[in-house]
Amino acid sequence: MKVTLIDGRSGAGKSSFARRLSADDGVRILTMDYLYEGWDGLMAGSALLERILVERAEGAVARWRDWDWHAYSRGRERTLEPHESLIVEGCGAMTPITVAFADRAIWLEAPEDVRRARALARDGDDSWWEGWKQQERIHLERHDPRSLATEIIDASS
């Protein structure tokens, strides 16, 4: 029944950190990549996560459709049972609404050069970097996720 949120800018190490946490206790990971609506969808992904967590807290089975990056549209339906523990990882995971439902809210930070090198190694292309960086800036200004965190971790190394 616990919820852990892991937020940070692209390349900060959120996915790797979530996998390590999940390996310890087998908790399901929900990756924000499947909530965004493409490269311009960070805010839409945050709003969808807010709805999912509100429904879960109300005791309902939350339902949504994953973002299919190949078809560039919503795809397979997913569900989350109200009793199910969850780790949510991705930029936009922490907003004032989502943090209200979280037991842990972890902000990962690393310098931009480290993050960009990781993103390039992960994706093989960083042509999306500048556009995504602007969406991250909006998320930081609107939600100030670092200030919402219960833990701040230097993920430089």
Protein backbone atom coordinates (compact mmCIF):
# COMPACT_ATOMS: atom_id res chain seq x y z
CA MET A 1 0.00 0.00 0.00
CA LYS A 2 3.04 2.25 0.02
CA VAL A 3 3.88 4.74 -2.71
CA THR A 4 7.41 5.91 -3.47
CA LEU A 5 7.97 8.73 -5.94
CA ILE A 6 11.33 9.26 -7.65
CA ASP A 7 11.76 12.48 -9.60
CA GLY A 8 14.69 14.32 -11.16
CA ARG A 9 15.75 15.68 -14.50
CA SER A 10 16.52 13.47 -17.50
CA GLY A 11 19.58 11.29 -16.96
CA ALA A 12 19.59 11.71 -13.17
CA GLY A 13 19.36 7.93 -12.64
CA LYS A 14 15.68 7.57 -11.70
CA SER A 15 15.07 4.30 -13.56
CA SER A 16 18.18 2.62 -12.16
CA PHE A 17 17.35 3.79 -8.65
CA ALA A 18 13.78 2.50 -8.97
CA ARG A 19 15.00 -0.90 -10.18
CA ARG A 20 17.31 -1.17 -7.15
CA LEU A 21 14.46 -0.30 -4.76
CA SER A 22 12.12 -2.75 -6.47
CA ALA A 23 14.69 -5.54 -6.35
CA ASP A 24 14.78 -5.19 -2.57
CA ASP A 25 11.05 -5.71 -2.06
CA GLY A 26 9.48 -6.64 -5.42
CA VAL A 27 7.28 -3.54 -5.60
CA ARG A 28 5.78 -2.67 -8.98
CA ILE A 29 7.41 0.18 -10.92
CA LEU A 30 5.31 2.65 -12.87
CA THR A 31 7.52 4.56 -15.30
CA MET A 32 6.40 8.04 -16.26
CA ASP A 33 7.59 7.33 -19.82
CA TYR A 34 4.30 5.47 -20.30
CA LEU A 35 2.22 8.34 -18.93
CA TYR A 36 3.72 11.19 -20.99
CA GLU A 37 2.06 12.03 -24.27
CA GLY A 38 5.24 11.97 -26.32
CA TRP A 39 8.10 14.42 -26.19
CA ASP A 40 5.76 17.32 -25.45
CA GLY A 41 3.75 15.51 -22.79
CA LEU A 42 5.50 15.93 -19.45
CA MET A 43 2.67 18.00 -17.93
CA ALA A 44 0.03 15.61 -19.29
CA GLY A 45 1.94 12.72 -17.69
CA SER A 46 1.99 14.47 -14.32
CA ALA A 47 -1.75 15.14 -14.54
CA LEU A 48 -2.44 11.51 -15.42
CA LEU A 49 -0.37 10.31 -12.45
CA GLU A 50 -2.32 12.66 -10.18
CA ARG A 51 -5.57 11.08 -11.38
CA ILE A 52 -4.21 7.54 -10.92
CA LEU A 53 -3.10 8.23 -7.33
CA VAL A 54 -6.35 10.00 -6.42
CA GLU A 55 -8.39 7.05 -7.73
CA ARG A 56 -6.15 4.61 -5.84
CA ALA A 57 -6.56 6.61 -2.62
CA GLU A 58 -10.34 6.61 -3.07
CA GLY A 59 -10.25 2.80 -3.15
CA ALA A 60 -10.95 2.48 -6.87
CA VAL A 61 -9.04 0.50 -9.44
CA ALA A 62 -7.18 3.14 -11.45
CA ARG A 63 -7.25 2.63 -15.23
CA TRP A 64 -5.26 4.34 -17.95
CA ARG A 65 -3.70 3.64 -21.32
CA ASP A 66 0.08 3.55 -21.69
CA TRP A 67 1.72 5.86 -24.20
CA ASP A 68 2.90 3.83 -27.20
CA TRP A 69 6.02 5.63 -28.43
CA HIS A 70 6.05 3.71 -31.74
CA ALA A 71 2.41 4.43 -32.64
CA TYR A 72 2.63 7.86 -30.96
CA SER A 73 -0.75 7.37 -29.30
CA ARG A 74 -2.32 5.76 -26.26
CA GLY A 75 -2.06 1.99 -26.33
CA ARG A 76 -2.58 -0.85 -23.89
CA GLU A 77 -4.84 -0.41 -20.89
CA ARG A 78 -3.22 -0.70 -17.46
CA THR A 79 -4.69 -0.93 -13.99
CA LEU A 80 -3.57 -0.29 -10.44
CA GLU A 81 -5.37 -1.91 -7.52
CA PRO A 82 -5.92 0.33 -4.48
CA HIS A 83 -3.98 -2.02 -2.18
CA GLU A 84 -0.98 -2.32 -4.52
CA SER A 85 2.34 -0.80 -3.46
CA LEU A 86 4.06 1.23 -6.14
CA ILE A 87 7.28 2.98 -7.11
CA VAL A 88 6.72 5.79 -9.62
CA GLU A 89 9.81 7.04 -11.41
CA GLY A 90 10.22 9.85 -13.89
CA CYS A 91 10.39 13.56 -14.30
CA GLY A 92 7.06 15.00 -13.24
CA ALA A 93 6.32 12.31 -10.66
CA MET A 94 6.35 14.77 -7.76
CA THR A 95 3.67 17.43 -7.61
CA PRO A 96 1.89 18.77 -4.53
CA ILE A 97 -0.99 16.40 -5.33
CA THR A 98 1.08 13.22 -5.87
CA VAL A 99 3.29 13.86 -2.84
CA ALA A 100 0.16 13.94 -0.65
CA PHE A 101 -0.27 10.22 -1.42
CA ALA A 102 3.40 9.23 -1.10
CA ASP A 103 5.24 7.60 1.77
CA ARG A 104 8.58 8.58 0.22
CA ALA A 105 9.40 11.33 -2.28
CA ILE A 106 12.95 11.10 -3.59
CA TRP A 107 14.63 13.78 -5.69
CA LEU A 108 17.75 12.69 -7.61
CA GLU A 109 20.16 15.29 -8.85
CA ALA A 110 23.28 15.30 -10.97
CA PRO A 111 25.06 17.94 -13.05
CA GLU A 112 23.73 18.53 -16.57
CA ASP A 113 26.87 17.22 -18.30
CA VAL A 114 26.60 13.91 -16.42
CA ARG A 115 22.86 13.63 -17.07
CA ARG A 116 23.19 14.42 -20.77
CA ALA A 117 25.99 11.89 -21.24
CA ARG A 118 23.81 9.24 -19.55
CA ALA A 119 20.81 10.13 -21.73
CA LEU A 120 22.91 9.94 -24.88
CA ALA A 121 24.35 6.56 -23.83
CA ARG A 122 20.84 5.31 -23.01
CA ASP A 123 19.05 6.57 -26.13
CA GLY A 124 21.82 6.88 -28.71
CA ASP A 125 20.40 10.29 -29.63
CA ASP A 126 19.78 13.47 -27.70
CA SER A 127 18.00 15.54 -30.33
CA TRP A 128 15.06 15.79 -27.90
CA TRP A 129 17.21 17.18 -25.05
CA GLU A 130 16.58 20.93 -25.40
CA GLY A 131 12.81 20.60 -25.85
CA TRP A 132 12.54 18.23 -22.90
CA LYS A 133 14.75 20.51 -20.80
CA GLN A 134 12.20 23.31 -21.30
CA GLN A 135 9.39 21.06 -20.06
CA GLU A 136 11.49 20.10 -17.05
CA ARG A 137 11.99 23.81 -16.34
CA ILE A 138 8.21 24.35 -16.36
CA HIS A 139 7.74 21.36 -14.01
CA LEU A 140 10.39 22.76 -11.65
CA GLU A 141 8.79 26.22 -11.65
CA ARG A 142 5.21 24.97 -11.20
CA HIS A 143 5.73 22.16 -8.74
CA ASP A 144 9.18 22.73 -7.15
CA PRO A 145 9.63 18.97 -6.72
CA ARG A 146 12.96 19.29 -4.94
CA SER A 147 11.24 21.16 -2.09
CA LEU A 148 8.55 18.44 -1.93
CA ALA A 149 11.10 15.65 -1.52
CA THR A 150 11.50 13.73 1.70
CA GLU A 151 14.95 12.69 0.47
CA ILE A 152 17.44 14.38 -1.84
CA ILE A 153 20.13 12.17 -3.33
CA ASP A 154 23.23 13.18 -5.24
CA ALA A 155 23.23 10.72 -8.14
CA SER A 156 26.33 12.12 -9.84
CA SER A 157 28.29 8.88 -9.63
